[in-house]
Amino acid sequence: MHRGLCVLAVVMVAVCVGHVDGTCTTFCTHPLGPEEGYYICCDRHPGKCPAEPECDTFSDPCHYDPDCQPHQKCCRNSCGGNRCTNV
């Protein structure tokens, strides 16, 4: 019984460590993760999203700020969806 729990604990640590970036301080559930418990970094970049977003279909899609470049934020746009936006 204890051996099974130890193996499970080792597997859980290996999975979590595999997705951890040493510079991240906040983790969120990945919206497209293969299963519950799959986390990604969701630290916020400085700045604010525009009050009246445009319909930008050329910038990269995103879920969280770390999906974008450091000078961008992941903002909802007027087309319905999130896009990397320069701030």
C-alpha atoms as a PDB file:
ATOM      1  CA  MET A   1       0.000   0.000   0.000  1.00  0.00           C
ATOM      2  CA  HIS A   2       2.715   2.481   0.976  1.00  0.00           C
ATOM      3  CA  ARG A   3       4.769   1.608  -2.098  1.00  0.00           C
ATOM      4  CA  GLY A   4       1.841   2.548  -4.364  1.00  0.00           C
ATOM      5  CA  LEU A   5       1.460   5.906  -2.620  1.00  0.00           C
ATOM      6  CA  CYS A   6       5.198   6.598  -2.885  1.00  0.00           C
ATOM      7  CA  VAL A   7       5.190   5.843  -6.613  1.00  0.00           C
ATOM      8  CA  LEU A   8       2.159   8.095  -7.089  1.00  0.00           C
ATOM      9  CA  ALA A   9       3.857  10.908  -5.145  1.00  0.00           C
ATOM     10  CA  VAL A  10       7.032  10.630  -7.247  1.00  0.00           C
ATOM     11  CA  VAL A  11       5.005  10.711 -10.480  1.00  0.00           C
ATOM     12  CA  MET A  12       3.023  13.751  -9.284  1.00  0.00           C
ATOM     13  CA  VAL A  13       6.204  15.660  -8.397  1.00  0.00           C
ATOM     14  CA  ALA A  14       7.795  14.770 -11.739  1.00  0.00           C
ATOM     15  CA  VAL A  15       4.732  16.019 -13.639  1.00  0.00           C
ATOM     16  CA  CYS A  16       4.561  19.270 -11.668  1.00  0.00           C
ATOM     17  CA  VAL A  17       8.276  19.972 -11.908  1.00  0.00           C
ATOM     18  CA  GLY A  18       8.146  19.340 -15.656  1.00  0.00           C
ATOM     19  CA  HIS A  19       5.828  22.324 -16.068  1.00  0.00           C
ATOM     20  CA  VAL A  20       7.469  24.764 -13.637  1.00  0.00           C
ATOM     21  CA  ASP A  21       9.513  27.719 -14.833  1.00  0.00           C
ATOM     22  CA  GLY A  22      11.906  28.998 -12.175  1.00  0.00           C
ATOM     23  CA  THR A  23      10.870  32.639 -12.755  1.00  0.00           C
ATOM     24  CA  CYS A  24       7.124  32.140 -12.406  1.00  0.00           C
ATOM     25  CA  THR A  25       5.303  33.054  -9.196  1.00  0.00           C
ATOM     26  CA  THR A  26       1.658  32.455 -10.188  1.00  0.00           C
ATOM     27  CA  PHE A  27       0.273  29.298 -11.807  1.00  0.00           C
ATOM     28  CA  CYS A  28      -3.139  28.761 -13.409  1.00  0.00           C
ATOM     29  CA  THR A  29      -4.903  25.765 -14.868  1.00  0.00           C
ATOM     30  CA  HIS A  30      -4.029  25.503 -18.552  1.00  0.00           C
ATOM     31  CA  PRO A  31      -7.213  26.062 -20.584  1.00  0.00           C
ATOM     32  CA  LEU A  32      -6.100  23.510 -23.182  1.00  0.00           C
ATOM     33  CA  GLY A  33      -4.340  21.140 -20.793  1.00  0.00           C
ATOM     34  CA  PRO A  34      -4.624  17.430 -21.464  1.00  0.00           C
ATOM     35  CA  GLU A  35      -6.256  16.847 -18.083  1.00  0.00           C
ATOM     36  CA  GLU A  36      -7.143  18.589 -14.853  1.00  0.00           C
ATOM     37  CA  GLY A  37      -4.078  19.548 -12.838  1.00  0.00           C
ATOM     38  CA  TYR A  38      -1.983  20.760 -15.794  1.00  0.00           C
ATOM     39  CA  TYR A  39      -0.692  24.210 -14.869  1.00  0.00           C
ATOM     40  CA  ILE A  40       1.069  27.043 -16.701  1.00  0.00           C
ATOM     41  CA  CYS A  41       2.590  30.326 -15.631  1.00  0.00           C
ATOM     42  CA  CYS A  42       0.066  33.156 -15.537  1.00  0.00           C
ATOM     43  CA  ASP A  43       2.129  35.999 -14.039  1.00  0.00           C
ATOM     44  CA  ARG A  44       0.846  39.387 -15.160  1.00  0.00           C
ATOM     45  CA  HIS A  45       2.931  41.720 -17.312  1.00  0.00           C
ATOM     46  CA  PRO A  46       2.984  45.408 -16.328  1.00  0.00           C
ATOM     47  CA  GLY A  47       0.465  47.750 -17.927  1.00  0.00           C
ATOM     48  CA  LYS A  48      -3.263  47.681 -18.591  1.00  0.00           C
ATOM     49  CA  CYS A  49      -5.376  46.431 -21.453  1.00  0.00           C
ATOM     50  CA  PRO A  50      -7.069  49.116 -23.588  1.00  0.00           C
ATOM     51  CA  ALA A  51     -10.480  50.250 -22.321  1.00  0.00           C
ATOM     52  CA  GLU A  52     -11.907  49.993 -25.844  1.00  0.00           C
ATOM     53  CA  PRO A  53     -10.174  47.071 -27.543  1.00  0.00           C
ATOM     54  CA  GLU A  54      -9.948  46.854 -31.305  1.00  0.00           C
ATOM     55  CA  CYS A  55     -10.705  43.836 -33.447  1.00  0.00           C
ATOM     56  CA  ASP A  56      -7.120  42.748 -34.024  1.00  0.00           C
ATOM     57  CA  THR A  57      -6.850  39.503 -35.968  1.00  0.00           C
ATOM     58  CA  PHE A  58      -3.141  39.839 -36.752  1.00  0.00           C
ATOM     59  CA  SER A  59      -1.646  39.580 -33.265  1.00  0.00           C
ATOM     60  CA  ASP A  60      -1.010  36.246 -31.568  1.00  0.00           C
ATOM     61  CA  PRO A  61      -3.841  34.521 -29.684  1.00  0.00           C
ATOM     62  CA  CYS A  62      -3.227  34.028 -25.955  1.00  0.00           C
ATOM     63  CA  HIS A  63      -4.707  32.843 -22.667  1.00  0.00           C
ATOM     64  CA  TYR A  64      -2.383  34.600 -20.197  1.00  0.00           C
ATOM     65  CA  ASP A  65       0.250  37.371 -20.338  1.00  0.00           C
ATOM     66  CA  PRO A  66       3.224  34.932 -20.464  1.00  0.00           C
ATOM     67  CA  ASP A  67       1.887  33.748 -23.857  1.00  0.00           C
ATOM     68  CA  CYS A  68       2.857  37.211 -25.149  1.00  0.00           C
ATOM     69  CA  GLN A  69       6.076  39.196 -25.501  1.00  0.00           C
ATOM     70  CA  PRO A  70       7.259  41.062 -22.338  1.00  0.00           C
ATOM     71  CA  HIS A  71       5.979  44.424 -23.699  1.00  0.00           C
ATOM     72  CA  GLN A  72       2.506  42.970 -24.388  1.00  0.00           C
ATOM     73  CA  LYS A  73      -0.504  41.858 -22.367  1.00  0.00           C
ATOM     74  CA  CYS A  74      -3.100  39.221 -23.147  1.00  0.00           C
ATOM     75  CA  CYS A  75      -6.275  41.288 -23.645  1.00  0.00           C
ATOM     76  CA  ARG A  76      -9.805  40.500 -24.784  1.00  0.00           C
ATOM     77  CA  ASN A  77     -10.464  42.075 -28.162  1.00  0.00           C
ATOM     78  CA  SER A  78     -13.730  43.236 -29.717  1.00  0.00           C
ATOM     79  CA  CYS A  79     -13.851  40.222 -32.059  1.00  0.00           C
ATOM     80  CA  GLY A  80     -14.346  37.912 -29.079  1.00  0.00           C
ATOM     81  CA  GLY A  81     -11.172  36.245 -27.968  1.00  0.00           C
ATOM     82  CA  ASN A  82      -7.843  37.139 -26.405  1.00  0.00           C
ATOM     83  CA  ARG A  83      -4.901  38.554 -28.349  1.00  0.00           C
ATOM     84  CA  CYS A  84      -1.426  39.811 -27.417  1.00  0.00           C
ATOM     85  CA  THR A  85      -1.698  43.607 -27.274  1.00  0.00           C
ATOM     86  CA  ASN A  86       1.094  46.193 -27.076  1.00  0.00           C
ATOM     87  CA  VAL A  87       0.851  48.270 -23.895  1.00  0.00           C
END
